[in-house]
Amino acid sequence: MLNTQYQIIHNLSINQDLYQFIDQEVMPGLSIKTDDFFSSLADIVNSMQYTIIANT
């Protein structure tokens, strides 16, 4: 069954399973922290939102 629990990180609603996957499987061994990853993702999403809206 899919997890429907979400947490707000940098104004993004992130599924708890996705957060745990990124934190436990992707980030170990990389030179970036999980919080920095989601901060950068939020910056990308925020910068693209107006482009996406304009093209719909």
PDB file of N, CA and C in Angstrom:
ATOM      1  N   MET A   1       0.840  -1.183   0.000  1.00  0.00           N
ATOM      2  CA  MET A   1       0.000   0.000   0.000  1.00  0.00           C
ATOM      3  C   MET A   1       0.888   1.251   0.000  1.00  0.00           C
ATOM      4  N   LEU A   2       0.513   2.222  -0.770  1.00  0.00           N
ATOM      5  CA  LEU A   2       1.276   3.460  -0.852  1.00  0.00           C
ATOM      6  C   LEU A   2       1.112   4.290   0.413  1.00  0.00           C
ATOM      7  N   ASN A   3       2.188   4.922   0.793  1.00  0.00           N
ATOM      8  CA  ASN A   3       2.173   5.807   1.951  1.00  0.00           C
ATOM      9  C   ASN A   3       1.566   7.137   1.532  1.00  0.00           C
ATOM     10  N   THR A   4       0.574   7.589   2.279  1.00  0.00           N
ATOM     11  CA  THR A   4      -0.076   8.865   1.962  1.00  0.00           C
ATOM     12  C   THR A   4       0.303   9.949   2.959  1.00  0.00           C
ATOM     13  N   GLN A   5       1.376   9.730   3.703  1.00  0.00           N
ATOM     14  CA  GLN A   5       1.830  10.737   4.655  1.00  0.00           C
ATOM     15  C   GLN A   5       2.836  11.649   3.967  1.00  0.00           C
ATOM     16  N   TYR A   6       2.655  12.933   4.183  1.00  0.00           N
ATOM     17  CA  TYR A   6       3.503  13.937   3.552  1.00  0.00           C
ATOM     18  C   TYR A   6       4.094  14.843   4.616  1.00  0.00           C
ATOM     19  N   GLN A   7       5.213  15.430   4.273  1.00  0.00           N
ATOM     20  CA  GLN A   7       5.797  16.461   5.123  1.00  0.00           C
ATOM     21  C   GLN A   7       6.149  17.653   4.247  1.00  0.00           C
ATOM     22  N   ILE A   8       6.077  18.814   4.827  1.00  0.00           N
ATOM     23  CA  ILE A   8       6.402  20.045   4.109  1.00  0.00           C
ATOM     24  C   ILE A   8       7.885  20.339   4.305  1.00  0.00           C
ATOM     25  N   ILE A   9       8.590  20.411   3.202  1.00  0.00           N
ATOM     26  CA  ILE A   9      10.019  20.726   3.219  1.00  0.00           C
ATOM     27  C   ILE A   9      10.247  21.820   2.191  1.00  0.00           C
ATOM     28  N   HIS A  10      10.697  22.974   2.646  1.00  0.00           N
ATOM     29  CA  HIS A  10      10.956  24.110   1.755  1.00  0.00           C
ATOM     30  C   HIS A  10       9.738  24.403   0.866  1.00  0.00           C
ATOM     31  N   ASN A  11       8.570  24.409   1.469  1.00  0.00           N
ATOM     32  CA  ASN A  11       7.293  24.690   0.796  1.00  0.00           C
ATOM     33  C   ASN A  11       6.904  23.650  -0.247  1.00  0.00           C
ATOM     34  N   LEU A  12       7.508  22.471  -0.206  1.00  0.00           N
ATOM     35  CA  LEU A  12       7.098  21.367  -1.058  1.00  0.00           C
ATOM     36  C   LEU A  12       6.462  20.294  -0.188  1.00  0.00           C
ATOM     37  N   SER A  13       5.406  19.692  -0.677  1.00  0.00           N
ATOM     38  CA  SER A  13       4.774  18.578   0.020  1.00  0.00           C
ATOM     39  C   SER A  13       5.422  17.287  -0.481  1.00  0.00           C
ATOM     40  N   ILE A  14       6.218  16.672   0.377  1.00  0.00           N
ATOM     41  CA  ILE A  14       7.020  15.516  -0.005  1.00  0.00           C
ATOM     42  C   ILE A  14       6.464  14.263   0.663  1.00  0.00           C
ATOM     43  N   ASN A  15       6.182  13.246  -0.159  1.00  0.00           N
ATOM     44  CA  ASN A  15       5.733  11.966   0.369  1.00  0.00           C
ATOM     45  C   ASN A  15       6.816  11.402   1.283  1.00  0.00           C
ATOM     46  N   GLN A  16       6.394  10.861   2.421  1.00  0.00           N
ATOM     47  CA  GLN A  16       7.349  10.342   3.401  1.00  0.00           C
ATOM     48  C   GLN A  16       8.230   9.235   2.827  1.00  0.00           C
ATOM     49  N   ASP A  17       7.673   8.370   1.980  1.00  0.00           N
ATOM     50  CA  ASP A  17       8.472   7.304   1.362  1.00  0.00           C
ATOM     51  C   ASP A  17       9.542   7.878   0.438  1.00  0.00           C
ATOM     52  N   LEU A  18       9.187   8.906  -0.327  1.00  0.00           N
ATOM     53  CA  LEU A  18      10.173   9.548  -1.202  1.00  0.00           C
ATOM     54  C   LEU A  18      11.280  10.186  -0.376  1.00  0.00           C
ATOM     55  N   TYR A  19      10.891  10.877   0.695  1.00  0.00           N
ATOM     56  CA  TYR A  19      11.894  11.510   1.551  1.00  0.00           C
ATOM     57  C   TYR A  19      12.858  10.459   2.105  1.00  0.00           C
ATOM     58  N   GLN A  20      12.325   9.358   2.615  1.00  0.00           N
ATOM     59  CA  GLN A  20      13.172   8.314   3.190  1.00  0.00           C
ATOM     60  C   GLN A  20      14.076   7.689   2.129  1.00  0.00           C
ATOM     61  N   PHE A  21      13.549   7.482   0.922  1.00  0.00           N
ATOM     62  CA  PHE A  21      14.366   6.940  -0.159  1.00  0.00           C
ATOM     63  C   PHE A  21      15.536   7.867  -0.479  1.00  0.00           C
ATOM     64  N   ILE A  22      15.243   9.147  -0.645  1.00  0.00           N
ATOM     65  CA  ILE A  22      16.304  10.118  -0.949  1.00  0.00           C
ATOM     66  C   ILE A  22      17.318  10.145   0.188  1.00  0.00           C
ATOM     67  N   ASP A  23      16.819  10.204   1.409  1.00  0.00           N
ATOM     68  CA  ASP A  23      17.687  10.324   2.580  1.00  0.00           C
ATOM     69  C   ASP A  23      18.537   9.077   2.816  1.00  0.00           C
ATOM     70  N   GLN A  24      17.952   7.900   2.660  1.00  0.00           N
ATOM     71  CA  GLN A  24      18.640   6.668   3.037  1.00  0.00           C
ATOM     72  C   GLN A  24      19.331   5.951   1.882  1.00  0.00           C
ATOM     73  N   GLU A  25      18.829   6.136   0.661  1.00  0.00           N
ATOM     74  CA  GLU A  25      19.379   5.393  -0.468  1.00  0.00           C
ATOM     75  C   GLU A  25      20.199   6.254  -1.440  1.00  0.00           C
ATOM     76  N   VAL A  26      19.806   7.503  -1.605  1.00  0.00           N
ATOM     77  CA  VAL A  26      20.465   8.357  -2.597  1.00  0.00           C
ATOM     78  C   VAL A  26      21.583   9.186  -1.974  1.00  0.00           C
ATOM     79  N   MET A  27      21.340   9.799  -0.838  1.00  0.00           N
ATOM     80  CA  MET A  27      22.295  10.753  -0.267  1.00  0.00           C
ATOM     81  C   MET A  27      23.566  10.139   0.316  1.00  0.00           C
ATOM     82  N   PRO A  28      23.508   8.951   0.934  1.00  0.00           N
ATOM     83  CA  PRO A  28      24.754   8.412   1.493  1.00  0.00           C
ATOM     84  C   PRO A  28      25.849   8.308   0.420  1.00  0.00           C
ATOM     85  N   GLY A  29      27.003   8.815   0.756  1.00  0.00           N
ATOM     86  CA  GLY A  29      28.121   8.774  -0.178  1.00  0.00           C
ATOM     87  C   GLY A  29      28.216   9.989  -1.076  1.00  0.00           C
ATOM     88  N   LEU A  30      27.188  10.819  -1.083  1.00  0.00           N
ATOM     89  CA  LEU A  30      27.237  12.048  -1.885  1.00  0.00           C
ATOM     90  C   LEU A  30      27.659  13.213  -0.994  1.00  0.00           C
ATOM     91  N   SER A  31      28.114  14.268  -1.620  1.00  0.00           N
ATOM     92  CA  SER A  31      28.587  15.422  -0.847  1.00  0.00           C
ATOM     93  C   SER A  31      27.487  16.469  -0.653  1.00  0.00           C
ATOM     94  N   ILE A  32      26.242  16.047  -0.641  1.00  0.00           N
ATOM     95  CA  ILE A  32      25.123  16.965  -0.442  1.00  0.00           C
ATOM     96  C   ILE A  32      24.225  16.394   0.653  1.00  0.00           C
ATOM     97  N   LYS A  33      23.710  17.272   1.476  1.00  0.00           N
ATOM     98  CA  LYS A  33      22.798  16.860   2.544  1.00  0.00           C
ATOM     99  C   LYS A  33      21.377  16.785   1.995  1.00  0.00           C
ATOM    100  N   THR A  34      20.559  15.973   2.633  1.00  0.00           N
ATOM    101  CA  THR A  34      19.171  15.800   2.206  1.00  0.00           C
ATOM    102  C   THR A  34      18.435  17.126   2.182  1.00  0.00           C
ATOM    103  N   ASP A  35      18.632  17.948   3.204  1.00  0.00           N
ATOM    104  CA  ASP A  35      17.958  19.243   3.261  1.00  0.00           C
ATOM    105  C   ASP A  35      18.387  20.134   2.103  1.00  0.00           C
ATOM    106  N   ASP A  36      19.663  20.094   1.756  1.00  0.00           N
ATOM    107  CA  ASP A  36      20.156  20.885   0.621  1.00  0.00           C
ATOM    108  C   ASP A  36      19.553  20.398  -0.696  1.00  0.00           C
ATOM    109  N   PHE A  37      19.388  19.083  -0.833  1.00  0.00           N
ATOM    110  CA  PHE A  37      18.754  18.523  -2.024  1.00  0.00           C
ATOM    111  C   PHE A  37      17.343  19.073  -2.199  1.00  0.00           C
ATOM    112  N   PHE A  38      16.550  19.001  -1.121  1.00  0.00           N
ATOM    113  CA  PHE A  38      15.169  19.461  -1.219  1.00  0.00           C
ATOM    114  C   PHE A  38      15.085  20.982  -1.350  1.00  0.00           C
ATOM    115  N   SER A  39      16.037  21.699  -0.798  1.00  0.00           N
ATOM    116  CA  SER A  39      16.088  23.147  -0.992  1.00  0.00           C
ATOM    117  C   SER A  39      16.328  23.472  -2.466  1.00  0.00           C
ATOM    118  N   SER A  40      17.258  22.772  -3.089  1.00  0.00           N
ATOM    119  CA  SER A  40      17.530  22.983  -4.512  1.00  0.00           C
ATOM    120  C   SER A  40      16.345  22.571  -5.367  1.00  0.00           C
ATOM    121  N   LEU A  41      15.704  21.467  -5.012  1.00  0.00           N
ATOM    122  CA  LEU A  41      14.509  21.028  -5.740  1.00  0.00           C
ATOM    123  C   LEU A  41      13.410  22.075  -5.647  1.00  0.00           C
ATOM    124  N   ALA A  42      13.217  22.638  -4.460  1.00  0.00           N
ATOM    125  CA  ALA A  42      12.205  23.683  -4.285  1.00  0.00           C
ATOM    126  C   ALA A  42      12.530  24.902  -5.141  1.00  0.00           C
ATOM    127  N   ASP A  43      13.801  25.273  -5.213  1.00  0.00           N
ATOM    128  CA  ASP A  43      14.208  26.402  -6.062  1.00  0.00           C
ATOM    129  C   ASP A  43      13.884  26.133  -7.525  1.00  0.00           C
ATOM    130  N   ILE A  44      14.153  24.922  -7.984  1.00  0.00           N
ATOM    131  CA  ILE A  44      13.864  24.562  -9.376  1.00  0.00           C
ATOM    132  C   ILE A  44      12.366  24.594  -9.638  1.00  0.00           C
ATOM    133  N   VAL A  45      11.591  23.972  -8.762  1.00  0.00           N
ATOM    134  CA  VAL A  45      10.136  23.944  -8.935  1.00  0.00           C
ATOM    135  C   VAL A  45       9.576  25.356  -8.924  1.00  0.00           C
ATOM    136  N   ASN A  46      10.029  26.179  -7.989  1.00  0.00           N
ATOM    137  CA  ASN A  46       9.528  27.552  -7.913  1.00  0.00           C
ATOM    138  C   ASN A  46       9.899  28.369  -9.148  1.00  0.00           C
ATOM    139  N   SER A  47      11.088  28.168  -9.668  1.00  0.00           N
ATOM    140  CA  SER A  47      11.497  28.927 -10.858  1.00  0.00           C
ATOM    141  C   SER A  47      10.754  28.468 -12.105  1.00  0.00           C
ATOM    142  N   MET A  48      10.314  27.215 -12.117  1.00  0.00           N
ATOM    143  CA  MET A  48       9.623  26.671 -13.286  1.00  0.00           C
ATOM    144  C   MET A  48       8.104  26.843 -13.238  1.00  0.00           C
ATOM    145  N   GLN A  49       7.554  27.147 -12.088  1.00  0.00           N
ATOM    146  CA  GLN A  49       6.095  27.151 -11.972  1.00  0.00           C
ATOM    147  C   GLN A  49       5.431  28.141 -12.920  1.00  0.00           C
ATOM    148  N   TYR A  50       6.024  29.292 -13.118  1.00  0.00           N
ATOM    149  CA  TYR A  50       5.419  30.274 -14.005  1.00  0.00           C
ATOM    150  C   TYR A  50       5.538  29.848 -15.476  1.00  0.00           C
ATOM    151  N   THR A  51       6.623  29.170 -15.807  1.00  0.00           N
ATOM    152  CA  THR A  51       6.796  28.639 -17.150  1.00  0.00           C
ATOM    153  C   THR A  51       5.755  27.567 -17.424  1.00  0.00           C
ATOM    154  N   ILE A  52       5.552  26.698 -16.452  1.00  0.00           N
ATOM    155  CA  ILE A  52       4.554  25.625 -16.608  1.00  0.00           C
ATOM    156  C   ILE A  52       3.157  26.209 -16.744  1.00  0.00           C
ATOM    157  N   ILE A  53       2.810  27.178 -15.915  1.00  0.00           N
ATOM    158  CA  ILE A  53       1.492  27.804 -15.972  1.00  0.00           C
ATOM    159  C   ILE A  53       1.296  28.505 -17.308  1.00  0.00           C
ATOM    160  N   ALA A  54       2.305  29.201 -17.776  1.00  0.00           N
ATOM    161  CA  ALA A  54       2.186  29.953 -19.031  1.00  0.00           C
ATOM    162  C   ALA A  54       2.012  29.038 -20.238  1.00  0.00           C
ATOM    163  N   ASN A  55       2.520  27.816 -20.139  1.00  0.00           N
ATOM    164  CA  ASN A  55       2.458  26.889 -21.255  1.00  0.00           C
ATOM    165  C   ASN A  55       1.269  25.940 -21.202  1.00  0.00           C
ATOM    166  N   THR A  56       0.359  26.137 -20.247  1.00  0.00           N
ATOM    167  CA  THR A  56      -0.804  25.251 -20.171  1.00  0.00           C
ATOM    168  C   THR A  56      -2.021  25.912 -20.741  1.00  0.00           C
TER     169      THR A  56
END
